[in-house]
Amino acid sequence: MTDTSARPFRLDPPGTISLRAAFFVLWIVDAIAATLFFVVPYASELNPITVFFYGLFGLPGVPLAAICYAVIVVAIGHLLSEPLDLRFVIVMVGLYALFVTNNVLLLVLRRPPLELVGI
C-alpha cells in the first residue's frame, strides 16, 4: 500500500504551451489597457474590483488586480480535470480576446466599439 499524501504537489498546466502563451499575451495587453483607462480622460474602467484596487493602491493597484485575476484563472485551470481544464482555458482566452479588442479599440478610437457600429 502506498501513501499518496507523501507525494509532492505537482502542477499539471492545462492545454498546450501556445494556448497558455495566448492567455498570457492577451492578459498582459488587457492589463496595460486597463491601466491606461485610469490615465486617459475619455475612457473608464468598468470592473468594480479593478476600480476598488485603484482606490486602495492607486495606479499600481490596477496591475495588482490583473495579477489576482490571472492567479485565479491559473489556479482554476490546475484544479479542473482534463478535458474541463482545457475547455476552461479556451473560454478564458476567448473572453480575454473580447476584452482586449474592446479595450484597445476604445483607447485607439476614443469611442466604444459598440457605438461605432451603431448599437
PDB file of N, CA and C in Angstrom:
ATOM      1  N   MET A   1       0.840  -1.166   0.000  1.00  0.00           N
ATOM      2  CA  MET A   1       0.000   0.000   0.000  1.00  0.00           C
ATOM      3  C   MET A   1       0.890   1.235   0.000  1.00  0.00           C
ATOM      4  N   THR A   2       0.582   2.191  -0.877  1.00  0.00           N
ATOM      5  CA  THR A   2       1.387   3.411  -0.940  1.00  0.00           C
ATOM      6  C   THR A   2       0.631   4.559  -0.320  1.00  0.00           C
ATOM      7  N   ASP A   3       1.409   5.455   0.257  1.00  0.00           N
ATOM      8  CA  ASP A   3       0.837   6.629   0.896  1.00  0.00           C
ATOM      9  C   ASP A   3       0.877   7.787  -0.102  1.00  0.00           C
ATOM     10  N   THR A   4      -0.282   8.173  -0.614  1.00  0.00           N
ATOM     11  CA  THR A   4      -0.333   9.247  -1.616  1.00  0.00           C
ATOM     12  C   THR A   4      -0.162  10.623  -0.990  1.00  0.00           C
ATOM     13  N   SER A   5      -0.342  10.755   0.310  1.00  0.00           N
ATOM     14  CA  SER A   5      -0.204  12.067   0.947  1.00  0.00           C
ATOM     15  C   SER A   5       1.254  12.511   1.003  1.00  0.00           C
ATOM     16  N   ALA A   6       2.193  11.583   0.896  1.00  0.00           N
ATOM     17  CA  ALA A   6       3.606  11.944   0.948  1.00  0.00           C
ATOM     18  C   ALA A   6       4.108  12.450  -0.405  1.00  0.00           C
ATOM     19  N   ARG A   7       3.328  12.220  -1.464  1.00  0.00           N
ATOM     20  CA  ARG A   7       3.737  12.657  -2.788  1.00  0.00           C
ATOM     21  C   ARG A   7       3.644  14.177  -2.869  1.00  0.00           C
ATOM     22  N   PRO A   8       4.659  14.846  -3.411  1.00  0.00           N
ATOM     23  CA  PRO A   8       4.599  16.305  -3.501  1.00  0.00           C
ATOM     24  C   PRO A   8       3.540  16.746  -4.499  1.00  0.00           C
ATOM     25  N   PHE A   9       3.014  17.933  -4.268  1.00  0.00           N
ATOM     26  CA  PHE A   9       2.014  18.501  -5.158  1.00  0.00           C
ATOM     27  C   PHE A   9       2.670  18.829  -6.495  1.00  0.00           C
ATOM     28  N   ARG A  10       2.091  18.317  -7.579  1.00  0.00           N
ATOM     29  CA  ARG A  10       2.639  18.580  -8.908  1.00  0.00           C
ATOM     30  C   ARG A  10       1.648  19.402  -9.718  1.00  0.00           C
ATOM     31  N   LEU A  11       2.162  20.419 -10.380  1.00  0.00           N
ATOM     32  CA  LEU A  11       1.317  21.234 -11.226  1.00  0.00           C
ATOM     33  C   LEU A  11       1.087  20.520 -12.554  1.00  0.00           C
ATOM     34  N   ASP A  12      -0.118  20.600 -13.015  1.00  0.00           N
ATOM     35  CA  ASP A  12      -0.484  19.995 -14.283  1.00  0.00           C
ATOM     36  C   ASP A  12      -1.117  21.091 -15.133  1.00  0.00           C
ATOM     37  N   PRO A  13      -0.290  21.868 -15.834  1.00  0.00           N
ATOM     38  CA  PRO A  13      -0.846  23.001 -16.577  1.00  0.00           C
ATOM     39  C   PRO A  13      -1.785  22.552 -17.680  1.00  0.00           C
ATOM     40  N   PRO A  14      -2.919  23.229 -17.803  1.00  0.00           N
ATOM     41  CA  PRO A  14      -3.900  22.824 -18.819  1.00  0.00           C
ATOM     42  C   PRO A  14      -3.523  23.308 -20.207  1.00  0.00           C
ATOM     43  N   GLY A  15      -3.929  22.564 -21.214  1.00  0.00           N
ATOM     44  CA  GLY A  15      -3.761  22.986 -22.591  1.00  0.00           C
ATOM     45  C   GLY A  15      -2.333  22.913 -23.082  1.00  0.00           C
ATOM     46  N   THR A  16      -2.144  23.441 -24.267  1.00  0.00           N
ATOM     47  CA  THR A  16      -0.830  23.439 -24.887  1.00  0.00           C
ATOM     48  C   THR A  16      -0.059  24.686 -24.478  1.00  0.00           C
ATOM     49  N   ILE A  17       1.208  24.679 -24.789  1.00  0.00           N
ATOM     50  CA  ILE A  17       2.032  25.848 -24.485  1.00  0.00           C
ATOM     51  C   ILE A  17       1.536  27.060 -25.262  1.00  0.00           C
ATOM     52  N   SER A  18       1.144  26.869 -26.514  1.00  0.00           N
ATOM     53  CA  SER A  18       0.666  28.004 -27.311  1.00  0.00           C
ATOM     54  C   SER A  18      -0.638  28.575 -26.754  1.00  0.00           C
ATOM     55  N   LEU A  19      -1.513  27.740 -26.208  1.00  0.00           N
ATOM     56  CA  LEU A  19      -2.748  28.224 -25.604  1.00  0.00           C
ATOM     57  C   LEU A  19      -2.439  29.024 -24.337  1.00  0.00           C
ATOM     58  N   ARG A  20      -1.518  28.527 -23.537  1.00  0.00           N
ATOM     59  CA  ARG A  20      -1.130  29.267 -22.334  1.00  0.00           C
ATOM     60  C   ARG A  20      -0.432  30.568 -22.700  1.00  0.00           C
ATOM     61  N   ALA A  21       0.371  30.565 -23.755  1.00  0.00           N
ATOM     62  CA  ALA A  21       1.034  31.787 -24.217  1.00  0.00           C
ATOM     63  C   ALA A  21       0.002  32.794 -24.718  1.00  0.00           C
ATOM     64  N   ALA A  22      -1.019  32.321 -25.421  1.00  0.00           N
ATOM     65  CA  ALA A  22      -2.083  33.206 -25.901  1.00  0.00           C
ATOM     66  C   ALA A  22      -2.787  33.869 -24.721  1.00  0.00           C
ATOM     67  N   PHE A  23      -3.069  33.084 -23.672  1.00  0.00           N
ATOM     68  CA  PHE A  23      -3.694  33.652 -22.484  1.00  0.00           C
ATOM     69  C   PHE A  23      -2.796  34.725 -21.882  1.00  0.00           C
ATOM     70  N   PHE A  24      -1.502  34.443 -21.744  1.00  0.00           N
ATOM     71  CA  PHE A  24      -0.589  35.395 -21.133  1.00  0.00           C
ATOM     72  C   PHE A  24      -0.498  36.683 -21.957  1.00  0.00           C
ATOM     73  N   VAL A  25      -0.388  36.563 -23.275  1.00  0.00           N
ATOM     74  CA  VAL A  25      -0.274  37.751 -24.135  1.00  0.00           C
ATOM     75  C   VAL A  25      -1.543  38.596 -24.050  1.00  0.00           C
ATOM     76  N   LEU A  26      -2.696  37.951 -24.152  1.00  0.00           N
ATOM     77  CA  LEU A  26      -3.954  38.690 -24.052  1.00  0.00           C
ATOM     78  C   LEU A  26      -4.123  39.304 -22.671  1.00  0.00           C
ATOM     79  N   TRP A  27      -3.726  38.582 -21.645  1.00  0.00           N
ATOM     80  CA  TRP A  27      -3.826  39.095 -20.275  1.00  0.00           C
ATOM     81  C   TRP A  27      -2.967  40.340 -20.100  1.00  0.00           C
ATOM     82  N   ILE A  28      -1.742  40.320 -20.595  1.00  0.00           N
ATOM     83  CA  ILE A  28      -0.846  41.465 -20.412  1.00  0.00           C
ATOM     84  C   ILE A  28      -1.351  42.679 -21.190  1.00  0.00           C
ATOM     85  N   VAL A  29      -1.871  42.469 -22.406  1.00  0.00           N
ATOM     86  CA  VAL A  29      -2.420  43.590 -23.176  1.00  0.00           C
ATOM     87  C   VAL A  29      -3.638  44.164 -22.454  1.00  0.00           C
ATOM     88  N   ASP A  30      -4.484  43.301 -21.908  1.00  0.00           N
ATOM     89  CA  ASP A  30      -5.651  43.764 -21.167  1.00  0.00           C
ATOM     90  C   ASP A  30      -5.234  44.517 -19.912  1.00  0.00           C
ATOM     91  N   ALA A  31      -4.217  44.046 -19.216  1.00  0.00           N
ATOM     92  CA  ALA A  31      -3.735  44.728 -18.009  1.00  0.00           C
ATOM     93  C   ALA A  31      -3.195  46.116 -18.354  1.00  0.00           C
ATOM     94  N   ILE A  32      -2.471  46.228 -19.451  1.00  0.00           N
ATOM     95  CA  ILE A  32      -1.945  47.531 -19.877  1.00  0.00           C
ATOM     96  C   ILE A  32      -3.091  48.465 -20.257  1.00  0.00           C
ATOM     97  N   ALA A  33      -4.044  47.951 -21.018  1.00  0.00           N
ATOM     98  CA  ALA A  33      -5.190  48.771 -21.418  1.00  0.00           C
ATOM     99  C   ALA A  33      -5.986  49.231 -20.203  1.00  0.00           C
ATOM    100  N   ALA A  34      -6.207  48.343 -19.248  1.00  0.00           N
ATOM    101  CA  ALA A  34      -6.943  48.717 -18.035  1.00  0.00           C
ATOM    102  C   ALA A  34      -6.195  49.789 -17.257  1.00  0.00           C
ATOM    103  N   THR A  35      -4.876  49.700 -17.218  1.00  0.00           N
ATOM    104  CA  THR A  35      -4.072  50.727 -16.544  1.00  0.00           C
ATOM    105  C   THR A  35      -4.213  52.062 -17.264  1.00  0.00           C
ATOM    106  N   LEU A  36      -4.209  52.031 -18.587  1.00  0.00           N
ATOM    107  CA  LEU A  36      -4.344  53.267 -19.360  1.00  0.00           C
ATOM    108  C   LEU A  36      -5.714  53.913 -19.171  1.00  0.00           C
ATOM    109  N   PHE A  37      -6.721  53.126 -18.839  1.00  0.00           N
ATOM    110  CA  PHE A  37      -8.051  53.692 -18.603  1.00  0.00           C
ATOM    111  C   PHE A  37      -8.035  54.713 -17.466  1.00  0.00           C
ATOM    112  N   PHE A  38      -7.121  54.542 -16.526  1.00  0.00           N
ATOM    113  CA  PHE A  38      -7.050  55.464 -15.396  1.00  0.00           C
ATOM    114  C   PHE A  38      -6.200  56.689 -15.711  1.00  0.00           C
ATOM    115  N   VAL A  39      -5.568  56.701 -16.878  1.00  0.00           N
ATOM    116  CA  VAL A  39      -4.697  57.800 -17.273  1.00  0.00           C
ATOM    117  C   VAL A  39      -5.390  58.714 -18.288  1.00  0.00           C
ATOM    118  N   VAL A  40      -6.169  58.139 -19.192  1.00  0.00           N
ATOM    119  CA  VAL A  40      -6.832  58.932 -20.229  1.00  0.00           C
ATOM    120  C   VAL A  40      -8.180  59.430 -19.711  1.00  0.00           C
ATOM    121  N   PRO A  41      -8.582  60.637 -20.112  1.00  0.00           N
ATOM    122  CA  PRO A  41      -9.846  61.185 -19.600  1.00  0.00           C
ATOM    123  C   PRO A  41     -11.098  60.661 -20.308  1.00  0.00           C
ATOM    124  N   TYR A  42     -10.966  60.041 -21.467  1.00  0.00           N
ATOM    125  CA  TYR A  42     -12.132  59.668 -22.259  1.00  0.00           C
ATOM    126  C   TYR A  42     -12.563  58.216 -22.081  1.00  0.00           C
ATOM    127  N   ALA A  43     -11.896  57.455 -21.248  1.00  0.00           N
ATOM    128  CA  ALA A  43     -12.266  56.055 -21.024  1.00  0.00           C
ATOM    129  C   ALA A  43     -12.305  55.795 -19.528  1.00  0.00           C
ATOM    130  N   SER A  44     -13.131  54.838 -19.135  1.00  0.00           N
ATOM    131  CA  SER A  44     -13.185  54.490 -17.716  1.00  0.00           C
ATOM    132  C   SER A  44     -13.282  52.978 -17.571  1.00  0.00           C
ATOM    133  N   GLU A  45     -12.696  52.498 -16.513  1.00  0.00           N
ATOM    134  CA  GLU A  45     -12.708  51.064 -16.210  1.00  0.00           C
ATOM    135  C   GLU A  45     -14.058  50.707 -15.613  1.00  0.00           C
ATOM    136  N   LEU A  46     -14.651  49.635 -16.095  1.00  0.00           N
ATOM    137  CA  LEU A  46     -15.963  49.213 -15.615  1.00  0.00           C
ATOM    138  C   LEU A  46     -15.891  48.140 -14.540  1.00  0.00           C
ATOM    139  N   ASN A  47     -14.760  47.442 -14.449  1.00  0.00           N
ATOM    140  CA  ASN A  47     -14.642  46.351 -13.487  1.00  0.00           C
ATOM    141  C   ASN A  47     -14.543  46.921 -12.066  1.00  0.00           C
ATOM    142  N   PRO A  48     -15.523  46.634 -11.204  1.00  0.00           N
ATOM    143  CA  PRO A  48     -15.512  47.226  -9.859  1.00  0.00           C
ATOM    144  C   PRO A  48     -14.340  46.757  -8.994  1.00  0.00           C
ATOM    145  N   ILE A  49     -13.846  45.555  -9.202  1.00  0.00           N
ATOM    146  CA  ILE A  49     -12.699  45.076  -8.418  1.00  0.00           C
ATOM    147  C   ILE A  49     -11.450  45.875  -8.778  1.00  0.00           C
ATOM    148  N   THR A  50     -11.245  46.108 -10.069  1.00  0.00           N
ATOM    149  CA  THR A  50     -10.096  46.895 -10.505  1.00  0.00           C
ATOM    150  C   THR A  50     -10.210  48.323  -9.982  1.00  0.00           C
ATOM    151  N   VAL A  51     -11.395  48.899 -10.027  1.00  0.00           N
ATOM    152  CA  VAL A  51     -11.604  50.245  -9.508  1.00  0.00           C
ATOM    153  C   VAL A  51     -11.341  50.273  -8.002  1.00  0.00           C
ATOM    154  N   PHE A  52     -11.771  49.234  -7.290  1.00  0.00           N
ATOM    155  CA  PHE A  52     -11.523  49.141  -5.848  1.00  0.00           C
ATOM    156  C   PHE A  52     -10.022  49.092  -5.551  1.00  0.00           C
ATOM    157  N   PHE A  53      -9.281  48.251  -6.286  1.00  0.00           N
ATOM    158  CA  PHE A  53      -7.832  48.165  -6.095  1.00  0.00           C
ATOM    159  C   PHE A  53      -7.169  49.496  -6.432  1.00  0.00           C
ATOM    160  N   TYR A  54      -7.672  50.190  -7.455  1.00  0.00           N
ATOM    161  CA  TYR A  54      -7.135  51.501  -7.813  1.00  0.00           C
ATOM    162  C   TYR A  54      -7.372  52.485  -6.660  1.00  0.00           C
ATOM    163  N   GLY A  55      -8.549  52.425  -6.056  1.00  0.00           N
ATOM    164  CA  GLY A  55      -8.849  53.294  -4.916  1.00  0.00           C
ATOM    165  C   GLY A  55      -7.952  53.012  -3.719  1.00  0.00           C
ATOM    166  N   LEU A  56      -7.616  51.748  -3.502  1.00  0.00           N
ATOM    167  CA  LEU A  56      -6.757  51.376  -2.369  1.00  0.00           C
ATOM    168  C   LEU A  56      -5.284  51.693  -2.592  1.00  0.00           C
ATOM    169  N   PHE A  57      -4.778  51.340  -3.791  1.00  0.00           N
ATOM    170  CA  PHE A  57      -3.336  51.384  -4.032  1.00  0.00           C
ATOM    171  C   PHE A  57      -2.909  52.376  -5.104  1.00  0.00           C
ATOM    172  N   GLY A  58      -3.850  53.082  -5.703  1.00  0.00           N
ATOM    173  CA  GLY A  58      -3.516  53.978  -6.797  1.00  0.00           C
ATOM    174  C   GLY A  58      -3.257  53.178  -8.065  1.00  0.00           C
ATOM    175  N   LEU A  59      -2.476  53.743  -8.966  1.00  0.00           N
ATOM    176  CA  LEU A  59      -2.218  53.100 -10.251  1.00  0.00           C
ATOM    177  C   LEU A  59      -1.591  51.707 -10.127  1.00  0.00           C
ATOM    178  N   PRO A  60      -0.691  51.447  -9.149  1.00  0.00           N
ATOM    179  CA  PRO A  60      -0.175  50.075  -9.005  1.00  0.00           C
ATOM    180  C   PRO A  60      -1.256  49.046  -8.647  1.00  0.00           C
ATOM    181  N   GLY A  61      -2.388  49.493  -8.151  1.00  0.00           N
ATOM    182  CA  GLY A  61      -3.473  48.575  -7.829  1.00  0.00           C
ATOM    183  C   GLY A  61      -4.108  47.940  -9.057  1.00  0.00           C
ATOM    184  N   VAL A  62      -3.999  48.614 -10.214  1.00  0.00           N
ATOM    185  CA  VAL A  62      -4.601  48.074 -11.432  1.00  0.00           C
ATOM    186  C   VAL A  62      -3.866  46.811 -11.890  1.00  0.00           C
ATOM    187  N   PRO A  63      -2.523  46.858 -12.043  1.00  0.00           N
ATOM    188  CA  PRO A  63      -1.840  45.599 -12.381  1.00  0.00           C
ATOM    189  C   PRO A  63      -1.950  44.554 -11.275  1.00  0.00           C
ATOM    190  N   LEU A  64      -2.043  44.994 -10.026  1.00  0.00           N
ATOM    191  CA  LEU A  64      -2.222  44.044  -8.927  1.00  0.00           C
ATOM    192  C   LEU A  64      -3.548  43.297  -9.075  1.00  0.00           C
ATOM    193  N   ALA A  65      -4.603  44.008  -9.439  1.00  0.00           N
ATOM    194  CA  ALA A  65      -5.896  43.348  -9.687  1.00  0.00           C
ATOM    195  C   ALA A  65      -5.773  42.377 -10.852  1.00  0.00           C
ATOM    196  N   ALA A  66      -5.067  42.783 -11.907  1.00  0.00           N
ATOM    197  CA  ALA A  66      -4.884  41.905 -13.072  1.00  0.00           C
ATOM    198  C   ALA A  66      -4.104  40.649 -12.679  1.00  0.00           C
ATOM    199  N   ILE A  67      -3.122  40.795 -11.831  1.00  0.00           N
ATOM    200  CA  ILE A  67      -2.353  39.632 -11.360  1.00  0.00           C
ATOM    201  C   ILE A  67      -3.259  38.699 -10.568  1.00  0.00           C
ATOM    202  N   CYS A  68      -4.126  39.258  -9.747  1.00  0.00           N
ATOM    203  CA  CYS A  68      -5.062  38.428  -8.979  1.00  0.00           C
ATOM    204  C   CYS A  68      -5.984  37.640  -9.916  1.00  0.00           C
ATOM    205  N   TYR A  69      -6.464  38.296 -10.987  1.00  0.00           N
ATOM    206  CA  TYR A  69      -7.308  37.584 -11.947  1.00  0.00           C
ATOM    207  C   TYR A  69      -6.544  36.440 -12.590  1.00  0.00           C
ATOM    208  N   ALA A  70      -5.313  36.691 -12.992  1.00  0.00           N
ATOM    209  CA  ALA A  70      -4.511  35.645 -13.650  1.00  0.00           C
ATOM    210  C   ALA A  70      -4.261  34.480 -12.701  1.00  0.00           C
ATOM    211  N   VAL A  71      -3.962  34.783 -11.440  1.00  0.00           N
ATOM    212  CA  VAL A  71      -3.725  33.722 -10.454  1.00  0.00           C
ATOM    213  C   VAL A  71      -4.979  32.866 -10.284  1.00  0.00           C
ATOM    214  N   ILE A  72      -6.130  33.508 -10.251  1.00  0.00           N
ATOM    215  CA  ILE A  72      -7.383  32.769 -10.105  1.00  0.00           C
ATOM    216  C   ILE A  72      -7.623  31.867 -11.314  1.00  0.00           C
ATOM    217  N   VAL A  73      -7.411  32.401 -12.514  1.00  0.00           N
ATOM    218  CA  VAL A  73      -7.614  31.604 -13.732  1.00  0.00           C
ATOM    219  C   VAL A  73      -6.652  30.423 -13.764  1.00  0.00           C
ATOM    220  N   VAL A  74      -5.381  30.670 -13.455  1.00  0.00           N
ATOM    221  CA  VAL A  74      -4.389  29.593 -13.473  1.00  0.00           C
ATOM    222  C   VAL A  74      -4.714  28.546 -12.413  1.00  0.00           C
ATOM    223  N   ALA A  75      -5.105  28.992 -11.214  1.00  0.00           N
ATOM    224  CA  ALA A  75      -5.441  28.046 -10.143  1.00  0.00           C
ATOM    225  C   ALA A  75      -6.644  27.184 -10.526  1.00  0.00           C
ATOM    226  N   ILE A  76      -7.661  27.804 -11.100  1.00  0.00           N
ATOM    227  CA  ILE A  76      -8.830  27.019 -11.520  1.00  0.00           C
ATOM    228  C   ILE A  76      -8.434  26.026 -12.597  1.00  0.00           C
ATOM    229  N   GLY A  77      -7.601  26.453 -13.548  1.00  0.00           N
ATOM    230  CA  GLY A  77      -7.135  25.556 -14.600  1.00  0.00           C
ATOM    231  C   GLY A  77      -6.379  24.364 -14.054  1.00  0.00           C
ATOM    232  N   HIS A  78      -5.619  24.580 -12.979  1.00  0.00           N
ATOM    233  CA  HIS A  78      -4.872  23.484 -12.372  1.00  0.00           C
ATOM    234  C   HIS A  78      -5.776  22.551 -11.570  1.00  0.00           C
ATOM    235  N   LEU A  79      -6.848  23.082 -11.010  1.00  0.00           N
ATOM    236  CA  LEU A  79      -7.734  22.255 -10.187  1.00  0.00           C
ATOM    237  C   LEU A  79      -8.695  21.403 -11.015  1.00  0.00           C
ATOM    238  N   LEU A  80      -9.072  21.893 -12.179  1.00  0.00           N
ATOM    239  CA  LEU A  80     -10.002  21.136 -13.020  1.00  0.00           C
ATOM    240  C   LEU A  80      -9.298  19.938 -13.646  1.00  0.00           C
ATOM    241  N   SER A  81     -10.077  18.902 -13.873  1.00  0.00           N
ATOM    242  CA  SER A  81      -9.512  17.725 -14.522  1.00  0.00           C
ATOM    243  C   SER A  81      -9.621  17.882 -16.038  1.00  0.00           C
ATOM    244  N   GLU A  82      -8.820  17.108 -16.735  1.00  0.00           N
ATOM    245  CA  GLU A  82      -8.864  17.133 -18.193  1.00  0.00           C
ATOM    246  C   GLU A  82     -10.127  16.431 -18.657  1.00  0.00           C
ATOM    247  N   PRO A  83     -10.871  16.868 -19.592  1.00  0.00           N
ATOM    248  CA  PRO A  83     -10.684  17.961 -20.551  1.00  0.00           C
ATOM    249  C   PRO A  83     -11.309  19.272 -20.104  1.00  0.00           C
ATOM    250  N   LEU A  84     -11.908  19.317 -18.891  1.00  0.00           N
ATOM    251  CA  LEU A  84     -12.524  20.553 -18.420  1.00  0.00           C
ATOM    252  C   LEU A  84     -11.505  21.681 -18.301  1.00  0.00           C
ATOM    253  N   ASP A  85     -10.268  21.362 -17.902  1.00  0.00           N
ATOM    254  CA  ASP A  85      -9.259  22.403 -17.758  1.00  0.00           C
ATOM    255  C   ASP A  85      -8.934  23.044 -19.104  1.00  0.00           C
ATOM    256  N   LEU A  86      -8.850  22.238 -20.143  1.00  0.00           N
ATOM    257  CA  LEU A  86      -8.573  22.760 -21.479  1.00  0.00           C
ATOM    258  C   LEU A  86      -9.732  23.642 -21.956  1.00  0.00           C
ATOM    259  N   ARG A  87     -10.944  23.197 -21.748  1.00  0.00           N
ATOM    260  CA  ARG A  87     -12.116  23.993 -22.148  1.00  0.00           C
ATOM    261  C   ARG A  87     -12.174  25.303 -21.382  1.00  0.00           C
ATOM    262  N   PHE A  88     -11.857  25.256 -20.099  1.00  0.00           N
ATOM    263  CA  PHE A  88     -11.863  26.460 -19.277  1.00  0.00           C
ATOM    264  C   PHE A  88     -10.856  27.471 -19.809  1.00  0.00           C
ATOM    265  N   VAL A  89      -9.646  27.024 -20.104  1.00  0.00           N
ATOM    266  CA  VAL A  89      -8.626  27.942 -20.605  1.00  0.00           C
ATOM    267  C   VAL A  89      -9.021  28.497 -21.973  1.00  0.00           C
ATOM    268  N   ILE A  90      -9.623  27.678 -22.817  1.00  0.00           N
ATOM    269  CA  ILE A  90     -10.085  28.159 -24.132  1.00  0.00           C
ATOM    270  C   ILE A  90     -11.142  29.249 -23.950  1.00  0.00           C
ATOM    271  N   VAL A  91     -12.062  29.051 -23.019  1.00  0.00           N
ATOM    272  CA  VAL A  91     -13.081  30.071 -22.742  1.00  0.00           C
ATOM    273  C   VAL A  91     -12.428  31.348 -22.216  1.00  0.00           C
ATOM    274  N   MET A  92     -11.444  31.212 -21.327  1.00  0.00           N
ATOM    275  CA  MET A  92     -10.761  32.392 -20.792  1.00  0.00           C
ATOM    276  C   MET A  92      -9.999  33.141 -21.877  1.00  0.00           C
ATOM    277  N   VAL A  93      -9.349  32.426 -22.775  1.00  0.00           N
ATOM    278  CA  VAL A  93      -8.655  33.073 -23.902  1.00  0.00           C
ATOM    279  C   VAL A  93      -9.671  33.819 -24.769  1.00  0.00           C
ATOM    280  N   GLY A  94     -10.820  33.205 -25.020  1.00  0.00           N
ATOM    281  CA  GLY A  94     -11.860  33.867 -25.800  1.00  0.00           C
ATOM    282  C   GLY A  94     -12.370  35.138 -25.129  1.00  0.00           C
ATOM    283  N   LEU A  95     -12.606  35.059 -23.813  1.00  0.00           N
ATOM    284  CA  LEU A  95     -13.074  36.242 -23.085  1.00  0.00           C
ATOM    285  C   LEU A  95     -12.023  37.346 -23.091  1.00  0.00           C
ATOM    286  N   TYR A  96     -10.775  36.991 -22.822  1.00  0.00           N
ATOM    287  CA  TYR A  96      -9.716  37.999 -22.845  1.00  0.00           C
ATOM    288  C   TYR A  96      -9.547  38.592 -24.239  1.00  0.00           C
ATOM    289  N   ALA A  97      -9.721  37.809 -25.285  1.00  0.00           N
ATOM    290  CA  ALA A  97      -9.646  38.344 -26.653  1.00  0.00           C
ATOM    291  C   ALA A  97     -10.742  39.385 -26.859  1.00  0.00           C
ATOM    292  N   LEU A  98     -11.929  39.108 -26.353  1.00  0.00           N
ATOM    293  CA  LEU A  98     -13.030  40.063 -26.447  1.00  0.00           C
ATOM    294  C   LEU A  98     -12.720  41.330 -25.654  1.00  0.00           C
ATOM    295  N   PHE A  99     -12.248  41.171 -24.417  1.00  0.00           N
ATOM    296  CA  PHE A  99     -11.919  42.328 -23.579  1.00  0.00           C
ATOM    297  C   PHE A  99     -10.821  43.174 -24.214  1.00  0.00           C
ATOM    298  N   VAL A 100      -9.783  42.515 -24.702  1.00  0.00           N
ATOM    299  CA  VAL A 100      -8.656  43.222 -25.289  1.00  0.00           C
ATOM    300  C   VAL A 100      -9.101  43.988 -26.528  1.00  0.00           C
ATOM    301  N   THR A 101      -9.887  43.349 -27.371  1.00  0.00           N
ATOM    302  CA  THR A 101     -10.367  44.022 -28.573  1.00  0.00           C
ATOM    303  C   THR A 101     -11.163  45.270 -28.205  1.00  0.00           C
ATOM    304  N   ASN A 102     -12.074  45.133 -27.260  1.00  0.00           N
ATOM    305  CA  ASN A 102     -12.874  46.262 -26.808  1.00  0.00           C
ATOM    306  C   ASN A 102     -11.990  47.362 -26.224  1.00  0.00           C
ATOM    307  N   ASN A 103     -11.092  46.998 -25.326  1.00  0.00           N
ATOM    308  CA  ASN A 103     -10.278  47.993 -24.637  1.00  0.00           C
ATOM    309  C   ASN A 103      -9.317  48.714 -25.579  1.00  0.00           C
ATOM    310  N   VAL A 104      -8.678  47.972 -26.455  1.00  0.00           N
ATOM    311  CA  VAL A 104      -7.719  48.594 -27.374  1.00  0.00           C
ATOM    312  C   VAL A 104      -8.450  49.507 -28.363  1.00  0.00           C
ATOM    313  N   LEU A 105      -9.575  49.046 -28.894  1.00  0.00           N
ATOM    314  CA  LEU A 105     -10.339  49.905 -29.802  1.00  0.00           C
ATOM    315  C   LEU A 105     -10.826  51.167 -29.099  1.00  0.00           C
ATOM    316  N   LEU A 106     -11.250  51.037 -27.864  1.00  0.00           N
ATOM    317  CA  LEU A 106     -11.682  52.201 -27.092  1.00  0.00           C
ATOM    318  C   LEU A 106     -10.535  53.183 -26.895  1.00  0.00           C
ATOM    319  N   LEU A 107      -9.350  52.680 -26.586  1.00  0.00           N
ATOM    320  CA  LEU A 107      -8.204  53.565 -26.386  1.00  0.00           C
ATOM    321  C   LEU A 107      -7.751  54.215 -27.694  1.00  0.00           C
ATOM    322  N   VAL A 108      -7.759  53.460 -28.773  1.00  0.00           N
ATOM    323  CA  VAL A 108      -7.261  53.983 -30.051  1.00  0.00           C
ATOM    324  C   VAL A 108      -8.281  54.924 -30.708  1.00  0.00           C
ATOM    325  N   LEU A 109      -9.536  54.514 -30.737  1.00  0.00           N
ATOM    326  CA  LEU A 109     -10.563  55.269 -31.453  1.00  0.00           C
ATOM    327  C   LEU A 109     -11.291  56.289 -30.579  1.00  0.00           C
ATOM    328  N   ARG A 110     -11.078  56.226 -29.283  1.00  0.00           N
ATOM    329  CA  ARG A 110     -11.678  57.144 -28.304  1.00  0.00           C
ATOM    330  C   ARG A 110     -13.205  57.037 -28.242  1.00  0.00           C
ATOM    331  N   ARG A 111     -13.754  55.967 -28.769  1.00  0.00           N
ATOM    332  CA  ARG A 111     -15.185  55.709 -28.710  1.00  0.00           C
ATOM    333  C   ARG A 111     -15.408  54.229 -28.474  1.00  0.00           C
ATOM    334  N   PRO A 112     -16.451  53.869 -27.740  1.00  0.00           N
ATOM    335  CA  PRO A 112     -16.737  52.440 -27.537  1.00  0.00           C
ATOM    336  C   PRO A 112     -17.026  51.756 -28.861  1.00  0.00           C
ATOM    337  N   PRO A 113     -16.499  50.545 -29.057  1.00  0.00           N
ATOM    338  CA  PRO A 113     -16.717  49.812 -30.324  1.00  0.00           C
ATOM    339  C   PRO A 113     -18.186  49.620 -30.671  1.00  0.00           C
ATOM    340  N   LEU A 114     -19.043  49.374 -29.697  1.00  0.00           N
ATOM    341  CA  LEU A 114     -20.472  49.194 -29.981  1.00  0.00           C
ATOM    342  C   LEU A 114     -21.108  50.482 -30.510  1.00  0.00           C
ATOM    343  N   GLU A 115     -20.598  51.614 -30.045  1.00  0.00           N
ATOM    344  CA  GLU A 115     -21.092  52.900 -30.536  1.00  0.00           C
ATOM    345  C   GLU A 115     -20.686  53.102 -31.992  1.00  0.00           C
ATOM    346  N   LEU A 116     -19.539  52.577 -32.367  1.00  0.00           N
ATOM    347  CA  LEU A 116     -19.050  52.727 -33.737  1.00  0.00           C
ATOM    348  C   LEU A 116     -19.896  51.959 -34.736  1.00  0.00           C
ATOM    349  N   VAL A 117     -20.473  50.830 -34.302  1.00  0.00           N
ATOM    350  CA  VAL A 117     -21.306  50.035 -35.210  1.00  0.00           C
ATOM    351  C   VAL A 117     -22.792  50.394 -35.102  1.00  0.00           C
ATOM    352  N   GLY A 118     -23.096  51.376 -34.284  1.00  0.00           N
ATOM    353  CA  GLY A 118     -24.462  51.878 -34.199  1.00  0.00           C
ATOM    354  C   GLY A 118     -25.337  51.205 -33.182  1.00  0.00           C
ATOM    355  N   ILE A 119     -24.765  50.498 -32.234  1.00  0.00           N
ATOM    356  CA  ILE A 119     -25.580  49.830 -31.186  1.00  0.00           C
ATOM    357  C   ILE A 119     -25.606  50.705 -29.958  1.00  0.00           C
TER     358      ILE A 119
END
